Amino acid sequence: MNVKPHALVHLGYGKYVRSDQVTAVVPIEAERGPGHRTLVYLEEREAPIVASRAEDSIVRDLVQEPPEVTQARQQQDILSDLLLDLSNVNRTVRRICRDEGGLDLDLLEQRIREVIGESAIAEAA
């Protein structure tokens, strides 16, 4: 998990901090409510800042994944779902798709297995 350097993170109610200065994010448990949800500790500052956003939202903004990683994960999930669905297609329907529509579901299933690898195949089954 990498923090986006020099990015501003919104804490709510017009408060922003630089992401690379945050050292800790702690949920407020007692007297938690609107405007009072999370303590955000910063480098070179003793007292934390009280944030109105929930800790998971702040952390998500701090460590936002690059779009390529998110997209690759989504594509992997889609292929796994498709593989699972293809495993439920019977032989007769596969033959009709191949002969009448030119869509070879067996070949498609094989290519998906090659792309997503063995670990994803076990999860899909």
N, C-alpha and C. Protein backbone atom coordinates (compact mmCIF):
# COMPACT_ATOMS: atom_id res chain seq x y z
N MET A 1 0.84 -1.16 0.00
CA MET A 1 0.00 0.00 0.00
C MET A 1 0.89 1.24 0.00
N ASN A 2 0.78 2.08 -1.01
CA ASN A 2 1.59 3.28 -1.12
C ASN A 2 0.73 4.52 -0.99
N VAL A 3 1.24 5.46 -0.22
CA VAL A 3 0.56 6.74 -0.07
C VAL A 3 0.90 7.61 -1.27
N LYS A 4 -0.11 8.26 -1.83
CA LYS A 4 0.11 9.19 -2.93
C LYS A 4 0.87 10.40 -2.37
N PRO A 5 2.10 10.64 -2.79
CA PRO A 5 2.84 11.77 -2.23
C PRO A 5 2.29 13.11 -2.68
N HIS A 6 2.29 14.08 -1.76
CA HIS A 6 1.93 15.47 -2.02
C HIS A 6 0.49 15.68 -2.48
N ALA A 7 -0.36 14.69 -2.34
CA ALA A 7 -1.77 14.86 -2.69
C ALA A 7 -2.52 15.40 -1.48
N LEU A 8 -3.50 16.24 -1.74
CA LEU A 8 -4.31 16.75 -0.64
C LEU A 8 -5.46 15.78 -0.36
N VAL A 9 -5.68 15.52 0.92
CA VAL A 9 -6.74 14.62 1.34
C VAL A 9 -7.77 15.44 2.11
N HIS A 10 -9.02 15.30 1.71
CA HIS A 10 -10.11 16.05 2.33
C HIS A 10 -10.50 15.38 3.65
N LEU A 11 -10.54 16.17 4.71
CA LEU A 11 -10.94 15.66 6.02
C LEU A 11 -12.37 16.06 6.38
N GLY A 12 -12.97 16.89 5.54
CA GLY A 12 -14.33 17.36 5.80
C GLY A 12 -14.34 18.78 6.31
N TYR A 13 -15.45 19.46 6.10
CA TYR A 13 -15.64 20.84 6.56
C TYR A 13 -14.49 21.76 6.18
N GLY A 14 -13.98 21.62 4.96
CA GLY A 14 -12.94 22.52 4.46
C GLY A 14 -11.54 22.23 4.97
N LYS A 15 -11.34 21.12 5.63
CA LYS A 15 -10.01 20.77 6.12
C LYS A 15 -9.33 19.82 5.13
N TYR A 16 -8.07 20.14 4.79
CA TYR A 16 -7.27 19.32 3.90
C TYR A 16 -5.88 19.15 4.49
N VAL A 17 -5.27 18.01 4.27
CA VAL A 17 -3.89 17.77 4.69
C VAL A 17 -3.14 17.10 3.55
N ARG A 18 -1.82 17.26 3.56
CA ARG A 18 -1.01 16.55 2.57
C ARG A 18 -0.92 15.08 2.96
N SER A 19 -1.12 14.22 1.99
CA SER A 19 -1.17 12.78 2.27
C SER A 19 0.12 12.24 2.85
N ASP A 20 1.26 12.77 2.42
CA ASP A 20 2.53 12.23 2.91
C ASP A 20 2.90 12.75 4.30
N GLN A 21 2.07 13.61 4.90
CA GLN A 21 2.31 14.09 6.26
C GLN A 21 1.47 13.34 7.29
N VAL A 22 0.53 12.53 6.85
CA VAL A 22 -0.34 11.79 7.77
C VAL A 22 0.44 10.61 8.34
N THR A 23 0.46 10.50 9.67
CA THR A 23 1.16 9.39 10.32
C THR A 23 0.21 8.37 10.93
N ALA A 24 -1.02 8.80 11.22
CA ALA A 24 -1.99 7.86 11.80
C ALA A 24 -3.40 8.38 11.58
N VAL A 25 -4.32 7.43 11.43
CA VAL A 25 -5.75 7.72 11.30
C VAL A 25 -6.46 6.82 12.30
N VAL A 26 -7.10 7.45 13.30
CA VAL A 26 -7.70 6.70 14.40
C VAL A 26 -9.18 7.05 14.51
N PRO A 27 -10.07 6.05 14.47
CA PRO A 27 -11.49 6.35 14.62
C PRO A 27 -11.80 6.85 16.02
N ILE A 28 -12.67 7.82 16.10
CA ILE A 28 -13.14 8.31 17.40
C ILE A 28 -14.26 7.37 17.82
N GLU A 29 -14.16 6.83 19.03
CA GLU A 29 -15.17 5.88 19.49
C GLU A 29 -16.14 6.53 20.48
N ALA A 30 -15.62 7.33 21.38
CA ALA A 30 -16.48 8.01 22.34
C ALA A 30 -16.89 9.36 21.76
N GLU A 31 -18.14 9.73 21.93
CA GLU A 31 -18.67 11.00 21.46
C GLU A 31 -18.48 11.18 19.95
N ARG A 32 -18.58 10.10 19.23
CA ARG A 32 -18.46 10.15 17.77
C ARG A 32 -19.78 10.64 17.19
N GLY A 33 -19.69 11.49 16.18
CA GLY A 33 -20.90 11.98 15.54
C GLY A 33 -20.55 12.91 14.40
N PRO A 34 -21.53 13.63 13.87
CA PRO A 34 -21.28 14.54 12.76
C PRO A 34 -20.16 15.53 13.11
N GLY A 35 -19.19 15.64 12.23
CA GLY A 35 -18.07 16.56 12.45
C GLY A 35 -17.05 16.04 13.42
N HIS A 36 -17.21 14.83 13.90
CA HIS A 36 -16.35 14.32 14.96
C HIS A 36 -16.21 12.80 14.80
N ARG A 37 -15.51 12.36 13.74
CA ARG A 37 -15.45 10.93 13.45
C ARG A 37 -14.06 10.30 13.56
N THR A 38 -13.02 11.07 13.19
CA THR A 38 -11.69 10.48 13.08
C THR A 38 -10.63 11.45 13.57
N LEU A 39 -9.63 10.92 14.26
CA LEU A 39 -8.45 11.71 14.62
C LEU A 39 -7.37 11.43 13.59
N VAL A 40 -6.81 12.50 13.01
CA VAL A 40 -5.76 12.38 12.01
C VAL A 40 -4.50 13.01 12.58
N TYR A 41 -3.47 12.19 12.75
CA TYR A 41 -2.18 12.64 13.27
C TYR A 41 -1.26 12.98 12.11
N LEU A 42 -0.54 14.12 12.27
CA LEU A 42 0.36 14.59 11.22
C LEU A 42 1.79 14.69 11.75
N GLU A 43 2.75 14.58 10.84
CA GLU A 43 4.15 14.79 11.20
C GLU A 43 4.31 16.19 11.78
N GLU A 44 5.21 16.33 12.74
CA GLU A 44 5.56 17.62 13.32
C GLU A 44 4.39 18.36 13.95
N ARG A 45 3.38 17.62 14.37
CA ARG A 45 2.25 18.22 15.07
C ARG A 45 1.83 17.28 16.18
N GLU A 46 1.78 17.78 17.40
CA GLU A 46 1.46 16.93 18.54
C GLU A 46 -0.01 16.54 18.60
N ALA A 47 -0.86 17.53 18.47
CA ALA A 47 -2.30 17.28 18.61
C ALA A 47 -2.88 16.83 17.26
N PRO A 48 -3.78 15.85 17.32
CA PRO A 48 -4.39 15.41 16.07
C PRO A 48 -5.44 16.40 15.58
N ILE A 49 -5.77 16.29 14.31
CA ILE A 49 -6.86 17.07 13.73
C ILE A 49 -8.11 16.20 13.80
N VAL A 50 -9.21 16.80 14.19
CA VAL A 50 -10.49 16.08 14.22
C VAL A 50 -11.12 16.19 12.84
N ALA A 51 -11.35 15.05 12.23
CA ALA A 51 -11.93 15.01 10.89
C ALA A 51 -13.39 14.61 10.98
N SER A 52 -14.19 15.13 10.05
CA SER A 52 -15.60 14.79 10.03
C SER A 52 -15.88 13.57 9.15
N ARG A 53 -14.88 13.09 8.43
CA ARG A 53 -15.06 11.91 7.57
C ARG A 53 -14.65 10.65 8.33
N ALA A 54 -15.21 9.53 7.91
CA ALA A 54 -14.88 8.24 8.53
C ALA A 54 -13.46 7.83 8.16
N GLU A 55 -12.85 7.07 9.04
CA GLU A 55 -11.45 6.67 8.85
C GLU A 55 -11.22 5.88 7.56
N ASP A 56 -12.16 4.99 7.21
CA ASP A 56 -11.96 4.20 5.99
C ASP A 56 -11.98 5.07 4.74
N SER A 57 -12.77 6.13 4.73
CA SER A 57 -12.81 7.05 3.59
C SER A 57 -11.49 7.81 3.47
N ILE A 58 -10.96 8.23 4.59
CA ILE A 58 -9.70 8.97 4.58
C ILE A 58 -8.57 8.06 4.13
N VAL A 59 -8.51 6.85 4.66
CA VAL A 59 -7.45 5.91 4.27
C VAL A 59 -7.56 5.58 2.79
N ARG A 60 -8.75 5.38 2.30
CA ARG A 60 -8.94 5.09 0.87
C ARG A 60 -8.38 6.22 0.02
N ASP A 61 -8.61 7.47 0.43
CA ASP A 61 -8.06 8.60 -0.31
C ASP A 61 -6.55 8.68 -0.19
N LEU A 62 -6.02 8.26 0.95
CA LEU A 62 -4.57 8.29 1.15
C LEU A 62 -3.84 7.31 0.25
N VAL A 63 -4.41 6.15 0.05
CA VAL A 63 -3.70 5.07 -0.64
C VAL A 63 -4.39 4.65 -1.93
N GLN A 64 -5.00 5.58 -2.58
CA GLN A 64 -5.71 5.29 -3.82
C GLN A 64 -4.82 4.49 -4.77
N GLU A 65 -5.35 3.36 -5.24
CA GLU A 65 -4.61 2.54 -6.19
C GLU A 65 -4.53 3.24 -7.54
N PRO A 66 -3.44 2.99 -8.27
CA PRO A 66 -3.39 3.54 -9.63
C PRO A 66 -4.55 2.97 -10.45
N PRO A 67 -5.09 3.74 -11.38
CA PRO A 67 -6.23 3.27 -12.17
C PRO A 67 -5.96 1.96 -12.90
N GLU A 68 -4.71 1.75 -13.30
CA GLU A 68 -4.38 0.51 -14.02
C GLU A 68 -4.57 -0.71 -13.14
N VAL A 69 -4.22 -0.59 -11.87
CA VAL A 69 -4.38 -1.71 -10.94
C VAL A 69 -5.85 -2.00 -10.70
N THR A 70 -6.63 -0.95 -10.49
CA THR A 70 -8.07 -1.11 -10.29
C THR A 70 -8.71 -1.74 -11.51
N GLN A 71 -8.35 -1.26 -12.69
CA GLN A 71 -8.92 -1.79 -13.93
C GLN A 71 -8.53 -3.25 -14.13
N ALA A 72 -7.28 -3.59 -13.85
CA ALA A 72 -6.83 -4.98 -14.01
C ALA A 72 -7.60 -5.90 -13.06
N ARG A 73 -7.83 -5.45 -11.83
CA ARG A 73 -8.58 -6.26 -10.86
C ARG A 73 -10.03 -6.46 -11.33
N GLN A 74 -10.63 -5.41 -11.85
CA GLN A 74 -12.00 -5.51 -12.35
C GLN A 74 -12.07 -6.46 -13.55
N GLN A 75 -11.10 -6.39 -14.44
CA GLN A 75 -11.08 -7.27 -15.60
C GLN A 75 -10.91 -8.73 -15.16
N GLN A 76 -10.07 -8.96 -14.18
CA GLN A 76 -9.86 -10.31 -13.65
C GLN A 76 -11.18 -10.85 -13.06
N ASP A 77 -11.89 -10.00 -12.33
CA ASP A 77 -13.17 -10.42 -11.75
C ASP A 77 -14.20 -10.76 -12.83
N ILE A 78 -14.25 -9.94 -13.87
CA ILE A 78 -15.19 -10.19 -14.96
C ILE A 78 -14.87 -11.51 -15.65
N LEU A 79 -13.59 -11.75 -15.91
CA LEU A 79 -13.20 -13.00 -16.55
C LEU A 79 -13.52 -14.21 -15.67
N SER A 80 -13.31 -14.07 -14.37
CA SER A 80 -13.63 -15.18 -13.45
C SER A 80 -15.13 -15.46 -13.46
N ASP A 81 -15.93 -14.40 -13.45
CA ASP A 81 -17.39 -14.58 -13.51
C ASP A 81 -17.81 -15.24 -14.82
N LEU A 82 -17.21 -14.81 -15.92
CA LEU A 82 -17.53 -15.38 -17.22
C LEU A 82 -17.14 -16.86 -17.28
N LEU A 83 -15.99 -17.19 -16.70
CA LEU A 83 -15.54 -18.58 -16.67
C LEU A 83 -16.52 -19.44 -15.88
N LEU A 84 -16.98 -18.93 -14.77
CA LEU A 84 -17.96 -19.66 -13.96
C LEU A 84 -19.25 -19.88 -14.75
N ASP A 85 -19.72 -18.84 -15.44
CA ASP A 85 -20.93 -18.96 -16.25
C ASP A 85 -20.73 -19.95 -17.40
N LEU A 86 -19.58 -19.90 -18.04
CA LEU A 86 -19.32 -20.82 -19.15
C LEU A 86 -19.30 -22.27 -18.69
N SER A 87 -18.86 -22.51 -17.48
CA SER A 87 -18.81 -23.89 -16.99
C SER A 87 -20.21 -24.49 -16.83
N ASN A 88 -21.24 -23.65 -16.81
CA ASN A 88 -22.62 -24.11 -16.67
C ASN A 88 -23.35 -24.29 -18.00
N VAL A 89 -22.66 -24.00 -19.10
CA VAL A 89 -23.29 -24.14 -20.43
C VAL A 89 -23.13 -25.59 -20.89
N ASN A 90 -24.26 -26.23 -21.23
CA ASN A 90 -24.20 -27.66 -21.60
C ASN A 90 -23.68 -27.86 -23.02
N ARG A 91 -23.34 -29.09 -23.36
CA ARG A 91 -22.74 -29.44 -24.65
C ARG A 91 -23.62 -29.07 -25.85
N THR A 92 -24.91 -29.25 -25.71
CA THR A 92 -25.82 -28.96 -26.83
C THR A 92 -25.80 -27.46 -27.16
N VAL A 93 -25.87 -26.63 -26.14
CA VAL A 93 -25.85 -25.19 -26.36
C VAL A 93 -24.50 -24.77 -26.92
N ARG A 94 -23.42 -25.37 -26.43
CA ARG A 94 -22.08 -25.07 -26.95
C ARG A 94 -22.00 -25.40 -28.44
N ARG A 95 -22.55 -26.56 -28.83
CA ARG A 95 -22.53 -26.97 -30.24
C ARG A 95 -23.33 -26.01 -31.09
N ILE A 96 -24.51 -25.61 -30.62
CA ILE A 96 -25.35 -24.68 -31.37
C ILE A 96 -24.63 -23.34 -31.54
N CYS A 97 -24.03 -22.84 -30.48
CA CYS A 97 -23.30 -21.57 -30.55
C CYS A 97 -22.17 -21.65 -31.56
N ARG A 98 -21.45 -22.76 -31.56
CA ARG A 98 -20.32 -22.94 -32.48
C ARG A 98 -20.81 -23.09 -33.92
N ASP A 99 -21.78 -23.99 -34.14
CA ASP A 99 -22.21 -24.31 -35.50
C ASP A 99 -23.07 -23.21 -36.13
N GLU A 100 -23.97 -22.64 -35.35
CA GLU A 100 -24.91 -21.65 -35.89
C GLU A 100 -24.40 -20.21 -35.77
N GLY A 101 -23.66 -19.95 -34.70
CA GLY A 101 -23.24 -18.56 -34.46
C GLY A 101 -21.77 -18.30 -34.64
N GLY A 102 -20.97 -19.35 -34.82
CA GLY A 102 -19.53 -19.16 -34.99
C GLY A 102 -18.81 -18.80 -33.70
N LEU A 103 -19.44 -19.05 -32.58
CA LEU A 103 -18.85 -18.74 -31.28
C LEU A 103 -18.44 -20.04 -30.60
N ASP A 104 -17.15 -20.27 -30.50
CA ASP A 104 -16.63 -21.50 -29.90
C ASP A 104 -16.43 -21.27 -28.40
N LEU A 105 -17.40 -21.68 -27.59
CA LEU A 105 -17.35 -21.47 -26.15
C LEU A 105 -16.23 -22.28 -25.50
N ASP A 106 -15.90 -23.45 -26.06
CA ASP A 106 -14.80 -24.25 -25.52
C ASP A 106 -13.48 -23.51 -25.67
N LEU A 107 -13.25 -22.93 -26.84
CA LEU A 107 -12.03 -22.16 -27.07
C LEU A 107 -11.99 -20.93 -26.18
N LEU A 108 -13.12 -20.25 -26.06
CA LEU A 108 -13.21 -19.07 -25.20
C LEU A 108 -12.89 -19.42 -23.75
N GLU A 109 -13.46 -20.51 -23.28
CA GLU A 109 -13.21 -20.96 -21.92
C GLU A 109 -11.73 -21.28 -21.72
N GLN A 110 -11.12 -21.95 -22.68
CA GLN A 110 -9.70 -22.29 -22.60
C GLN A 110 -8.83 -21.03 -22.54
N ARG A 111 -9.14 -20.04 -23.38
CA ARG A 111 -8.36 -18.80 -23.40
C ARG A 111 -8.50 -18.04 -22.09
N ILE A 112 -9.69 -18.03 -21.52
CA ILE A 112 -9.88 -17.35 -20.23
C ILE A 112 -9.06 -18.05 -19.15
N ARG A 113 -9.06 -19.38 -19.15
CA ARG A 113 -8.26 -20.13 -18.17
C ARG A 113 -6.78 -19.78 -18.30
N GLU A 114 -6.30 -19.64 -19.51
CA GLU A 114 -4.89 -19.27 -19.72
C GLU A 114 -4.59 -17.87 -19.20
N VAL A 115 -5.53 -16.95 -19.40
CA VAL A 115 -5.31 -15.57 -19.00
C VAL A 115 -5.36 -15.39 -17.49
N ILE A 116 -6.36 -15.96 -16.85
CA ILE A 116 -6.53 -15.70 -15.41
C ILE A 116 -5.70 -16.61 -14.53
N GLY A 117 -5.19 -17.70 -15.04
CA GLY A 117 -4.30 -18.55 -14.26
C GLY A 117 -5.03 -19.54 -13.38
N GLU A 118 -4.27 -20.41 -12.80
CA GLU A 118 -4.81 -21.51 -12.01
C GLU A 118 -5.47 -21.07 -10.73
N SER A 119 -4.95 -20.04 -10.05
CA SER A 119 -5.54 -19.63 -8.76
C SER A 119 -6.96 -19.11 -8.94
N ALA A 120 -7.19 -18.37 -10.00
CA ALA A 120 -8.54 -17.85 -10.24
C ALA A 120 -9.50 -18.95 -10.68
N ILE A 121 -8.95 -19.97 -11.35
CA ILE A 121 -9.80 -21.09 -11.79
C ILE A 121 -10.36 -21.81 -10.58
N ALA A 122 -9.55 -22.02 -9.56
CA ALA A 122 -10.00 -22.72 -8.35
C ALA A 122 -11.08 -21.89 -7.64
N GLU A 123 -10.94 -20.57 -7.63
CA GLU A 123 -11.94 -19.71 -7.00
C GLU A 123 -13.25 -19.73 -7.76
N ALA A 124 -13.17 -19.82 -9.09
CA ALA A 124 -14.39 -19.79 -9.92
C ALA A 124 -15.19 -21.07 -9.80
N ALA A 125 -14.53 -22.17 -9.47
CA ALA A 125 -15.22 -23.47 -9.43
C ALA A 125 -16.03 -23.67 -8.20
